[in-house]
Amino acid sequence: MWNASISKQVLKFNRGELKFAARDLLNKNIGISRNSNNNYIEDSRVLALRQFFLLSFTYSLRKTGLNNDGGSGMRVITR
């Protein structure tokens, strides 16, 4: 299964993110499997979510301007 997404930071201080995602690009998730043994053959079919596309918007409520590290908003803490 192939998945892909692309996003763009928007608004002042990059507080918004607009993201487009595609799941199962090749449309191959059919939800069928077969198990076989010497005595039997078992076919299973499950209800699976197939190919879909999603457009989402995320807004950050984090306060900016408090950090003097160039505005990246990320901190790494090591011990």
C-alpha atoms as a PDB file:
ATOM      1  CA  MET A   1       0.000   0.000   0.000  1.00  0.00           C
ATOM      2  CA  TRP A   2       1.332   3.414  -0.942  1.00  0.00           C
ATOM      3  CA  ASN A   3       0.439   6.524   1.053  1.00  0.00           C
ATOM      4  CA  ALA A   4       1.463  10.121   0.330  1.00  0.00           C
ATOM      5  CA  SER A   5       0.884  13.550   1.804  1.00  0.00           C
ATOM      6  CA  ILE A   6       1.901  17.129   1.198  1.00  0.00           C
ATOM      7  CA  SER A   7       1.545  20.037   3.598  1.00  0.00           C
ATOM      8  CA  LYS A   8       2.007  23.795   3.601  1.00  0.00           C
ATOM      9  CA  GLN A   9       2.532  26.094   6.582  1.00  0.00           C
ATOM     10  CA  VAL A  10       0.212  29.118   6.416  1.00  0.00           C
ATOM     11  CA  LEU A  11      -0.779  32.152   8.477  1.00  0.00           C
ATOM     12  CA  LYS A  12       1.413  34.395  10.625  1.00  0.00           C
ATOM     13  CA  PHE A  13       4.150  32.566  12.598  1.00  0.00           C
ATOM     14  CA  ASN A  14       3.290  29.364  10.661  1.00  0.00           C
ATOM     15  CA  ARG A  15       0.428  28.678  13.046  1.00  0.00           C
ATOM     16  CA  GLY A  16      -1.701  26.955  10.423  1.00  0.00           C
ATOM     17  CA  GLU A  17      -0.985  23.839   8.405  1.00  0.00           C
ATOM     18  CA  LEU A  18      -2.950  22.804   5.327  1.00  0.00           C
ATOM     19  CA  LYS A  19      -2.401  19.126   4.472  1.00  0.00           C
ATOM     20  CA  PHE A  20      -3.551  16.932   1.581  1.00  0.00           C
ATOM     21  CA  ALA A  21      -3.152  13.182   2.099  1.00  0.00           C
ATOM     22  CA  ALA A  22      -3.849  10.195  -0.146  1.00  0.00           C
ATOM     23  CA  ARG A  23      -4.104   6.654   1.190  1.00  0.00           C
ATOM     24  CA  ASP A  24      -3.760   3.430  -0.833  1.00  0.00           C
ATOM     25  CA  LEU A  25      -2.710   5.197  -4.036  1.00  0.00           C
ATOM     26  CA  LEU A  26      -2.577   1.959  -6.045  1.00  0.00           C
ATOM     27  CA  ASN A  27      -6.041   0.890  -4.793  1.00  0.00           C
ATOM     28  CA  LYS A  28      -4.729  -2.573  -3.846  1.00  0.00           C
ATOM     29  CA  ASN A  29      -6.231  -3.015  -0.368  1.00  0.00           C
ATOM     30  CA  ILE A  30      -8.950  -5.500  -1.280  1.00  0.00           C
ATOM     31  CA  GLY A  31      -9.217  -7.237   2.106  1.00  0.00           C
ATOM     32  CA  ILE A  32      -8.938 -10.859   0.919  1.00  0.00           C
ATOM     33  CA  SER A  33      -6.551 -13.497   2.275  1.00  0.00           C
ATOM     34  CA  ARG A  34      -6.156 -17.258   1.800  1.00  0.00           C
ATOM     35  CA  ASN A  35      -4.614 -19.747   4.248  1.00  0.00           C
ATOM     36  CA  SER A  36      -4.077 -23.337   3.215  1.00  0.00           C
ATOM     37  CA  ASN A  37      -2.989 -26.481   5.000  1.00  0.00           C
ATOM     38  CA  ASN A  38      -2.934 -30.188   4.148  1.00  0.00           C
ATOM     39  CA  ASN A  39      -6.528 -30.649   5.307  1.00  0.00           C
ATOM     40  CA  TYR A  40      -8.287 -27.412   4.432  1.00  0.00           C
ATOM     41  CA  ILE A  41      -8.285 -24.108   2.549  1.00  0.00           C
ATOM     42  CA  GLU A  42      -9.528 -21.015   4.351  1.00  0.00           C
ATOM     43  CA  ASP A  43     -10.580 -17.856   2.486  1.00  0.00           C
ATOM     44  CA  SER A  44     -11.110 -14.716   4.559  1.00  0.00           C
ATOM     45  CA  ARG A  45     -12.703 -11.490   3.477  1.00  0.00           C
ATOM     46  CA  VAL A  46     -12.645  -8.440   5.720  1.00  0.00           C
ATOM     47  CA  LEU A  47     -14.305  -5.087   5.349  1.00  0.00           C
ATOM     48  CA  ALA A  48     -11.384  -2.746   4.662  1.00  0.00           C
ATOM     49  CA  LEU A  49     -11.165   0.969   4.115  1.00  0.00           C
ATOM     50  CA  ARG A  50     -10.043   1.409   0.522  1.00  0.00           C
ATOM     51  CA  GLN A  51      -8.522   4.342  -1.323  1.00  0.00           C
ATOM     52  CA  PHE A  52      -9.377   7.786   0.041  1.00  0.00           C
ATOM     53  CA  PHE A  53      -8.163  11.373   0.004  1.00  0.00           C
ATOM     54  CA  LEU A  54      -8.158  13.768   2.943  1.00  0.00           C
ATOM     55  CA  LEU A  55      -7.795  17.537   3.157  1.00  0.00           C
ATOM     56  CA  SER A  56      -7.146  18.827   6.677  1.00  0.00           C
ATOM     57  CA  PHE A  57      -6.334  22.084   8.402  1.00  0.00           C
ATOM     58  CA  THR A  58      -4.528  22.280  11.756  1.00  0.00           C
ATOM     59  CA  TYR A  59      -4.195  25.458  13.806  1.00  0.00           C
ATOM     60  CA  SER A  60      -1.609  25.744  16.583  1.00  0.00           C
ATOM     61  CA  LEU A  61      -2.727  27.446  19.807  1.00  0.00           C
ATOM     62  CA  ARG A  62       0.839  27.579  21.121  1.00  0.00           C
ATOM     63  CA  LYS A  63       2.059  31.048  22.068  1.00  0.00           C
ATOM     64  CA  THR A  64       4.862  32.302  19.849  1.00  0.00           C
ATOM     65  CA  GLY A  65       7.369  35.053  20.433  1.00  0.00           C
ATOM     66  CA  LEU A  66       8.322  33.721  23.871  1.00  0.00           C
ATOM     67  CA  ASN A  67      11.312  31.762  22.558  1.00  0.00           C
ATOM     68  CA  ASN A  68      14.440  33.545  21.346  1.00  0.00           C
ATOM     69  CA  ASP A  69      15.689  30.579  19.322  1.00  0.00           C
ATOM     70  CA  GLY A  70      14.778  31.913  15.888  1.00  0.00           C
ATOM     71  CA  GLY A  71      11.086  31.061  16.069  1.00  0.00           C
ATOM     72  CA  SER A  72      11.361  27.358  15.363  1.00  0.00           C
ATOM     73  CA  GLY A  73       9.250  26.489  18.405  1.00  0.00           C
ATOM     74  CA  MET A  74      11.102  23.199  18.961  1.00  0.00           C
ATOM     75  CA  ARG A  75      13.234  22.326  21.955  1.00  0.00           C
ATOM     76  CA  VAL A  76      15.367  19.235  22.437  1.00  0.00           C
ATOM     77  CA  ILE A  77      15.911  18.100  26.018  1.00  0.00           C
ATOM     78  CA  THR A  78      18.666  15.577  26.669  1.00  0.00           C
ATOM     79  CA  ARG A  79      19.672  13.994  29.955  1.00  0.00           C
END
